[in-house]
Each structure stands twice: as C-alpha cells, then as structure tokens.
C-alpha cells in the first residue's frame, strides 16, 4: 500500500488524504520519522483534520518527542471541538492525561 501511495506522490498528487494515508502507513510500519513528515504535511493542508493530529501526536510520542506530541494533541483537540468530533477530542484528551501521568512518575 505504501508503495502505491508513494507512486501517487511521485506523480504530483499531493493532498491531505494522501499524506494521512502515508503517515498512518509509516506509523504502522514503525517508521516514526517518515510518519511525522507526512502527518505534518497533512495538517498543513488541513489544520482541522483531527484524525491527523491524533496520529501525529502518536508518532511524535513514539519518537520520544513528548512535548511536541502534547502540542499536536492540543491542536487536535481544538480542531475536533471546532467540528464537533467528540470521539477524537476524548481520545486525544486521554492521551494527554496519560502523558502527564507518565511525566509525573519520571
């Protein structure tokens, strides 16, 4: 799947949905750096894409960038609230609470 999405990008197709697919694919494959790159481009295309903010936060957290992960989730919560996406808002709020809890234990 990633190969076909990369081919689309190589052909000049570039949009939020394609970048989201690439970001999710690379995150699932464990390549945090490439996931972060594509998810950052995704939210640049569509700052209200709450699912992309959620995955960007996960990728940043997996890469050890906890402060950046929190910022991504904060932006994601704002995007979710703006569109009434209660589930995404709730999930990212839980992620931030877990992050805070983990930081307080260290």
C-alpha atoms as a PDB file:
ATOM      1  CA  UNK A   1       0.000   0.000   0.000  1.00  0.00           C
ATOM      2  CA  UNK A   2       2.760   2.459   0.916  1.00  0.00           C
ATOM      3  CA  UNK A   3       4.454   1.861  -2.418  1.00  0.00           C
ATOM      4  CA  UNK A   4       1.333   2.793  -4.393  1.00  0.00           C
ATOM      5  CA  UNK A   5       0.769   5.900  -2.248  1.00  0.00           C
ATOM      6  CA  UNK A   6       4.400   6.950  -2.752  1.00  0.00           C
ATOM      7  CA  UNK A   7       3.949   6.498  -6.520  1.00  0.00           C
ATOM      8  CA  UNK A   8       0.940   8.815  -6.419  1.00  0.00           C
ATOM      9  CA  UNK A   9       3.037  11.401  -4.587  1.00  0.00           C
ATOM     10  CA  UNK A  10       5.824  10.994  -7.148  1.00  0.00           C
ATOM     11  CA  UNK A  11       3.297  11.671  -9.920  1.00  0.00           C
ATOM     12  CA  UNK A  12       2.422  15.016  -8.352  1.00  0.00           C
ATOM     13  CA  UNK A  13      -0.691  14.068  -6.405  1.00  0.00           C
ATOM     14  CA  UNK A  14      -0.401  15.773  -3.020  1.00  0.00           C
ATOM     15  CA  UNK A  15      -3.264  16.332  -0.633  1.00  0.00           C
ATOM     16  CA  UNK A  16      -4.294  15.820   2.981  1.00  0.00           C
ATOM     17  CA  UNK A  17      -5.841  12.395   2.416  1.00  0.00           C
ATOM     18  CA  UNK A  18      -2.777  11.036   0.628  1.00  0.00           C
ATOM     19  CA  UNK A  19      -0.460  12.399   3.316  1.00  0.00           C
ATOM     20  CA  UNK A  20      -2.703  10.919   6.019  1.00  0.00           C
ATOM     21  CA  UNK A  21      -2.532   7.503   4.356  1.00  0.00           C
ATOM     22  CA  UNK A  22       1.245   7.708   4.080  1.00  0.00           C
ATOM     23  CA  UNK A  23       1.587   8.904   7.667  1.00  0.00           C
ATOM     24  CA  UNK A  24      -0.606   6.119   9.001  1.00  0.00           C
ATOM     25  CA  UNK A  25       1.184   3.531   6.885  1.00  0.00           C
ATOM     26  CA  UNK A  26       4.623   4.586   8.067  1.00  0.00           C
ATOM     27  CA  UNK A  27       3.465   4.805  11.686  1.00  0.00           C
ATOM     28  CA  UNK A  28       2.024   1.281  11.441  1.00  0.00           C
ATOM     29  CA  UNK A  29       5.346   0.143   9.950  1.00  0.00           C
ATOM     30  CA  UNK A  30       7.265   1.701  12.846  1.00  0.00           C
ATOM     31  CA  UNK A  31       8.935   4.440  10.785  1.00  0.00           C
ATOM     32  CA  UNK A  32       8.149   7.383  13.053  1.00  0.00           C
ATOM     33  CA  UNK A  33      10.304   9.921  11.225  1.00  0.00           C
ATOM     34  CA  UNK A  34       8.563   9.390   7.883  1.00  0.00           C
ATOM     35  CA  UNK A  35       5.156   9.225   9.581  1.00  0.00           C
ATOM     36  CA  UNK A  36       5.819  12.575  11.265  1.00  0.00           C
ATOM     37  CA  UNK A  37       6.908  14.136   7.973  1.00  0.00           C
ATOM     38  CA  UNK A  38       3.738  13.087   6.142  1.00  0.00           C
ATOM     39  CA  UNK A  39       1.364  13.848   9.006  1.00  0.00           C
ATOM     40  CA  UNK A  40       2.848  17.333   9.409  1.00  0.00           C
ATOM     41  CA  UNK A  41       2.224  17.927   5.704  1.00  0.00           C
ATOM     42  CA  UNK A  42      -1.308  16.565   6.139  1.00  0.00           C
ATOM     43  CA  UNK A  43      -2.217  19.050   8.876  1.00  0.00           C
ATOM     44  CA  UNK A  44      -0.562  21.828   6.863  1.00  0.00           C
ATOM     45  CA  UNK A  45      -3.052  21.026   4.075  1.00  0.00           C
ATOM     46  CA  UNK A  46      -5.967  20.739   6.505  1.00  0.00           C
ATOM     47  CA  UNK A  47      -5.428  22.156  10.016  1.00  0.00           C
ATOM     48  CA  UNK A  48      -8.883  20.864  11.018  1.00  0.00           C
ATOM     49  CA  UNK A  49      -8.068  17.205  10.299  1.00  0.00           C
ATOM     50  CA  UNK A  50      -8.406  15.926  13.882  1.00  0.00           C
ATOM     51  CA  UNK A  51      -7.547  12.310  12.997  1.00  0.00           C
ATOM     52  CA  UNK A  52      -4.249  13.502  11.517  1.00  0.00           C
ATOM     53  CA  UNK A  53      -3.422  15.488  14.662  1.00  0.00           C
ATOM     54  CA  UNK A  54      -4.156  12.372  16.725  1.00  0.00           C
ATOM     55  CA  UNK A  55      -1.769  10.227  14.666  1.00  0.00           C
ATOM     56  CA  UNK A  56       0.847  12.985  14.535  1.00  0.00           C
ATOM     57  CA  UNK A  57       0.834  13.081  18.325  1.00  0.00           C
ATOM     58  CA  UNK A  58       1.193   9.298  18.470  1.00  0.00           C
ATOM     59  CA  UNK A  59       4.097   9.365  16.009  1.00  0.00           C
ATOM     60  CA  UNK A  60       5.847  12.150  17.921  1.00  0.00           C
ATOM     61  CA  UNK A  61       5.353  10.324  21.212  1.00  0.00           C
ATOM     62  CA  UNK A  62       6.726   7.099  19.722  1.00  0.00           C
ATOM     63  CA  UNK A  63       9.721   9.105  18.524  1.00  0.00           C
ATOM     64  CA  UNK A  64      10.337  10.403  22.055  1.00  0.00           C
ATOM     65  CA  UNK A  65       9.150  13.930  21.300  1.00  0.00           C
ATOM     66  CA  UNK A  66       6.642  14.164  24.136  1.00  0.00           C
ATOM     67  CA  UNK A  67       6.371  17.970  24.236  1.00  0.00           C
ATOM     68  CA  UNK A  68       5.676  18.068  20.511  1.00  0.00           C
ATOM     69  CA  UNK A  69       3.175  15.216  20.906  1.00  0.00           C
ATOM     70  CA  UNK A  70       1.265  17.199  23.540  1.00  0.00           C
ATOM     71  CA  UNK A  71       1.205  20.268  21.269  1.00  0.00           C
ATOM     72  CA  UNK A  72      -0.115  18.187  18.371  1.00  0.00           C
ATOM     73  CA  UNK A  73      -2.859  16.735  20.560  1.00  0.00           C
ATOM     74  CA  UNK A  74      -3.752  20.193  21.877  1.00  0.00           C
ATOM     75  CA  UNK A  75      -4.169  21.400  18.308  1.00  0.00           C
ATOM     76  CA  UNK A  76      -6.096  18.239  17.513  1.00  0.00           C
ATOM     77  CA  UNK A  77      -8.486  18.792  20.404  1.00  0.00           C
ATOM     78  CA  UNK A  78      -9.117  22.342  19.180  1.00  0.00           C
ATOM     79  CA  UNK A  79      -9.769  21.033  15.650  1.00  0.00           C
ATOM     80  CA  UNK A  80     -12.074  18.313  16.978  1.00  0.00           C
ATOM     81  CA  UNK A  81     -14.010  20.811  19.105  1.00  0.00           C
ATOM     82  CA  UNK A  82     -14.428  23.109  16.120  1.00  0.00           C
ATOM     83  CA  UNK A  83     -16.048  20.284  14.144  1.00  0.00           C
ATOM     84  CA  UNK A  84     -17.947  18.569  16.938  1.00  0.00           C
ATOM     85  CA  UNK A  85     -15.772  15.442  16.698  1.00  0.00           C
ATOM     86  CA  UNK A  86     -16.345  14.331  20.292  1.00  0.00           C
ATOM     87  CA  UNK A  87     -14.647  10.932  19.928  1.00  0.00           C
ATOM     88  CA  UNK A  88     -11.359  12.353  18.630  1.00  0.00           C
ATOM     89  CA  UNK A  89     -11.471  15.072  21.292  1.00  0.00           C
ATOM     90  CA  UNK A  90     -11.962  12.469  24.018  1.00  0.00           C
ATOM     91  CA  UNK A  91      -9.184  10.184  22.721  1.00  0.00           C
ATOM     92  CA  UNK A  92      -6.611  12.966  22.500  1.00  0.00           C
ATOM     93  CA  UNK A  93      -7.572  14.253  25.955  1.00  0.00           C
ATOM     94  CA  UNK A  94      -6.937  10.753  27.326  1.00  0.00           C
ATOM     95  CA  UNK A  95      -3.568  10.610  25.538  1.00  0.00           C
ATOM     96  CA  UNK A  96      -2.555  13.914  27.137  1.00  0.00           C
ATOM     97  CA  UNK A  97      -3.615  12.754  30.612  1.00  0.00           C
ATOM     98  CA  UNK A  98      -1.580   9.551  30.196  1.00  0.00           C
ATOM     99  CA  UNK A  99       1.384  11.591  29.002  1.00  0.00           C
ATOM    100  CA  UNK A 100       1.103  13.887  32.030  1.00  0.00           C
ATOM    101  CA  UNK A 101       0.816  10.908  34.353  1.00  0.00           C
ATOM    102  CA  UNK A 102       3.910   9.269  32.818  1.00  0.00           C
ATOM    103  CA  UNK A 103       5.869  12.545  33.091  1.00  0.00           C
ATOM    104  CA  UNK A 104       4.942  12.933  36.756  1.00  0.00           C
ATOM    105  CA  UNK A 105       6.185   9.419  37.515  1.00  0.00           C
ATOM    106  CA  UNK A 106       9.609  10.002  35.996  1.00  0.00           C
END
